[in-house]
Amino acid sequence: MSRIIVFDPASGASGDMILGALLDAGAPLATMQEAVSRLGIAGVRIRSEAASSGAVRGTRVTIDAAPDQPARDWQAIQHLLTESALVLPVREAALAIFQSLAEAEAQAICMQTGDFRR
């Protein structure tokens, strides 16, 4: 029997919400932590706990990191992923996702500022 998952965040979804949904769907927390450890960033830990709001139940995911983590732009993230120990398909998917995010953020900034120079 196959499984089909429909992901339709009509009102948007943050990264921690998506991770919580993946955990609820059966993804192991240890697998997520292992992937994070392959990035080579010291002191990053993922934890989860049951959460609810009214009748809605889910999993809250919290990322704990050292307070001295630098801000990372697309170039730094690209370098981090390229040099990581992630398996190739995961690395390629992560690079494609972050590139899409960088392009969307750049477009939003251009729309906000009216500066469309490239």
Protein backbone atom coordinates (compact mmCIF):
# COMPACT_ATOMS: atom_id res chain seq x y z
CA MET A 1 0.00 0.00 0.00
CA SER A 2 1.32 3.47 -0.85
CA ARG A 3 0.92 6.62 1.13
CA ILE A 4 0.12 10.02 -0.22
CA ILE A 5 0.73 13.17 1.74
CA VAL A 6 -0.90 16.42 0.73
CA PHE A 7 0.89 19.53 1.94
CA ASP A 8 -1.29 22.59 1.45
CA PRO A 9 -0.35 25.40 3.85
CA ALA A 10 -3.01 27.83 2.60
CA SER A 11 -2.16 30.35 5.32
CA GLY A 12 1.58 29.73 5.20
CA ALA A 13 3.85 27.59 7.33
CA SER A 14 7.06 28.32 9.18
CA GLY A 15 10.03 25.95 9.22
CA ASP A 16 9.31 24.73 12.74
CA MET A 17 5.67 24.07 11.79
CA ILE A 18 6.77 22.01 8.79
CA LEU A 19 9.24 20.02 10.93
CA GLY A 20 6.48 19.37 13.49
CA ALA A 21 4.16 18.12 10.74
CA LEU A 22 6.89 15.81 9.42
CA LEU A 23 7.41 14.39 12.92
CA ASP A 24 3.65 13.85 13.28
CA ALA A 25 3.70 12.02 9.94
CA GLY A 26 6.35 9.62 11.25
CA ALA A 27 9.72 11.16 10.44
CA PRO A 28 12.16 10.28 13.24
CA LEU A 29 13.58 13.19 15.25
CA ALA A 30 16.95 11.38 15.29
CA THR A 31 17.05 11.54 11.47
CA MET A 32 16.48 15.30 11.54
CA GLN A 33 19.18 15.75 14.18
CA GLU A 34 21.60 13.64 12.15
CA ALA A 35 21.01 15.78 9.06
CA VAL A 36 21.64 18.94 11.08
CA SER A 37 24.84 17.48 12.50
CA ARG A 38 26.07 16.83 8.93
CA LEU A 39 26.06 20.58 8.34
CA GLY A 40 29.04 20.93 10.64
CA ILE A 41 27.50 23.64 12.84
CA ALA A 42 28.47 23.00 16.46
CA GLY A 43 25.91 23.12 19.24
CA VAL A 44 22.68 22.86 17.24
CA ARG A 45 20.00 20.59 18.71
CA ILE A 46 16.41 19.87 17.69
CA ARG A 47 13.80 19.05 20.31
CA SER A 48 10.10 18.40 20.09
CA GLU A 49 7.10 18.32 22.42
CA ALA A 50 3.39 17.79 22.13
CA ALA A 51 1.44 21.03 21.73
CA SER A 52 -2.18 22.03 21.35
CA SER A 53 -4.27 25.10 20.72
CA GLY A 54 -7.94 24.53 21.43
CA ALA A 55 -8.93 21.32 19.68
CA VAL A 56 -5.90 21.32 17.37
CA ARG A 57 -3.04 19.08 18.41
CA GLY A 58 0.42 18.92 16.92
CA THR A 59 4.12 18.79 17.63
CA ARG A 60 6.15 21.87 18.52
CA VAL A 61 9.73 21.79 17.27
CA THR A 62 12.40 24.00 18.80
CA ILE A 63 15.88 24.50 17.40
CA ASP A 64 18.48 25.22 20.09
CA ALA A 65 21.68 26.85 18.89
CA ALA A 66 24.57 28.69 20.47
CA PRO A 67 23.76 32.40 20.79
CA ASP A 68 26.89 33.38 18.87
CA GLN A 69 25.69 31.90 15.56
CA PRO A 70 26.34 34.39 12.74
CA ALA A 71 23.64 35.70 10.42
CA ARG A 72 23.92 33.76 7.17
CA ASP A 73 23.04 35.12 3.74
CA TRP A 74 22.42 32.99 0.64
CA GLN A 75 26.13 32.87 -0.23
CA ALA A 76 27.06 31.59 3.26
CA ILE A 77 24.21 29.05 3.25
CA GLN A 78 25.21 27.86 -0.22
CA HIS A 79 28.81 27.36 0.96
CA LEU A 80 27.67 25.61 4.15
CA LEU A 81 25.48 23.18 2.21
CA THR A 82 28.03 22.58 -0.55
CA GLU A 83 30.73 21.72 1.99
CA SER A 84 28.42 19.67 4.24
CA ALA A 85 28.43 15.92 4.75
CA LEU A 86 24.80 15.65 3.64
CA VAL A 87 24.10 12.86 1.16
CA LEU A 88 24.02 14.19 -2.40
CA PRO A 89 20.23 14.07 -3.02
CA VAL A 90 19.54 15.87 0.27
CA ARG A 91 22.26 18.45 -0.42
CA GLU A 92 20.92 19.13 -3.91
CA ALA A 93 17.34 19.46 -2.64
CA ALA A 94 18.44 21.81 0.16
CA LEU A 95 20.40 23.96 -2.29
CA ALA A 96 17.40 24.19 -4.63
CA ILE A 97 15.05 25.10 -1.76
CA PHE A 98 17.34 27.78 -0.35
CA GLN A 99 17.95 29.20 -3.83
CA SER A 100 14.17 29.51 -4.31
CA LEU A 101 13.89 31.21 -0.91
CA ALA A 102 16.73 33.62 -1.76
CA GLU A 103 15.07 34.52 -5.06
CA ALA A 104 11.68 35.05 -3.40
CA GLU A 105 13.21 37.23 -0.69
CA ALA A 106 15.11 39.27 -3.29
CA GLN A 107 11.91 39.79 -5.25
CA ALA A 108 10.03 40.83 -2.09
CA ILE A 109 12.76 43.36 -1.26
CA CYS A 110 12.61 44.74 -4.80
CA MET A 111 8.83 45.07 -4.57
CA GLN A 112 9.09 46.77 -1.19
CA THR A 113 11.84 49.21 -2.17
CA GLY A 114 10.95 49.71 -5.83
CA ASP A 115 14.57 48.91 -6.72
CA PHE A 116 14.47 46.36 -9.56
CA ARG A 117 18.13 46.60 -10.64
CA ARG A 118 19.90 43.26 -10.92
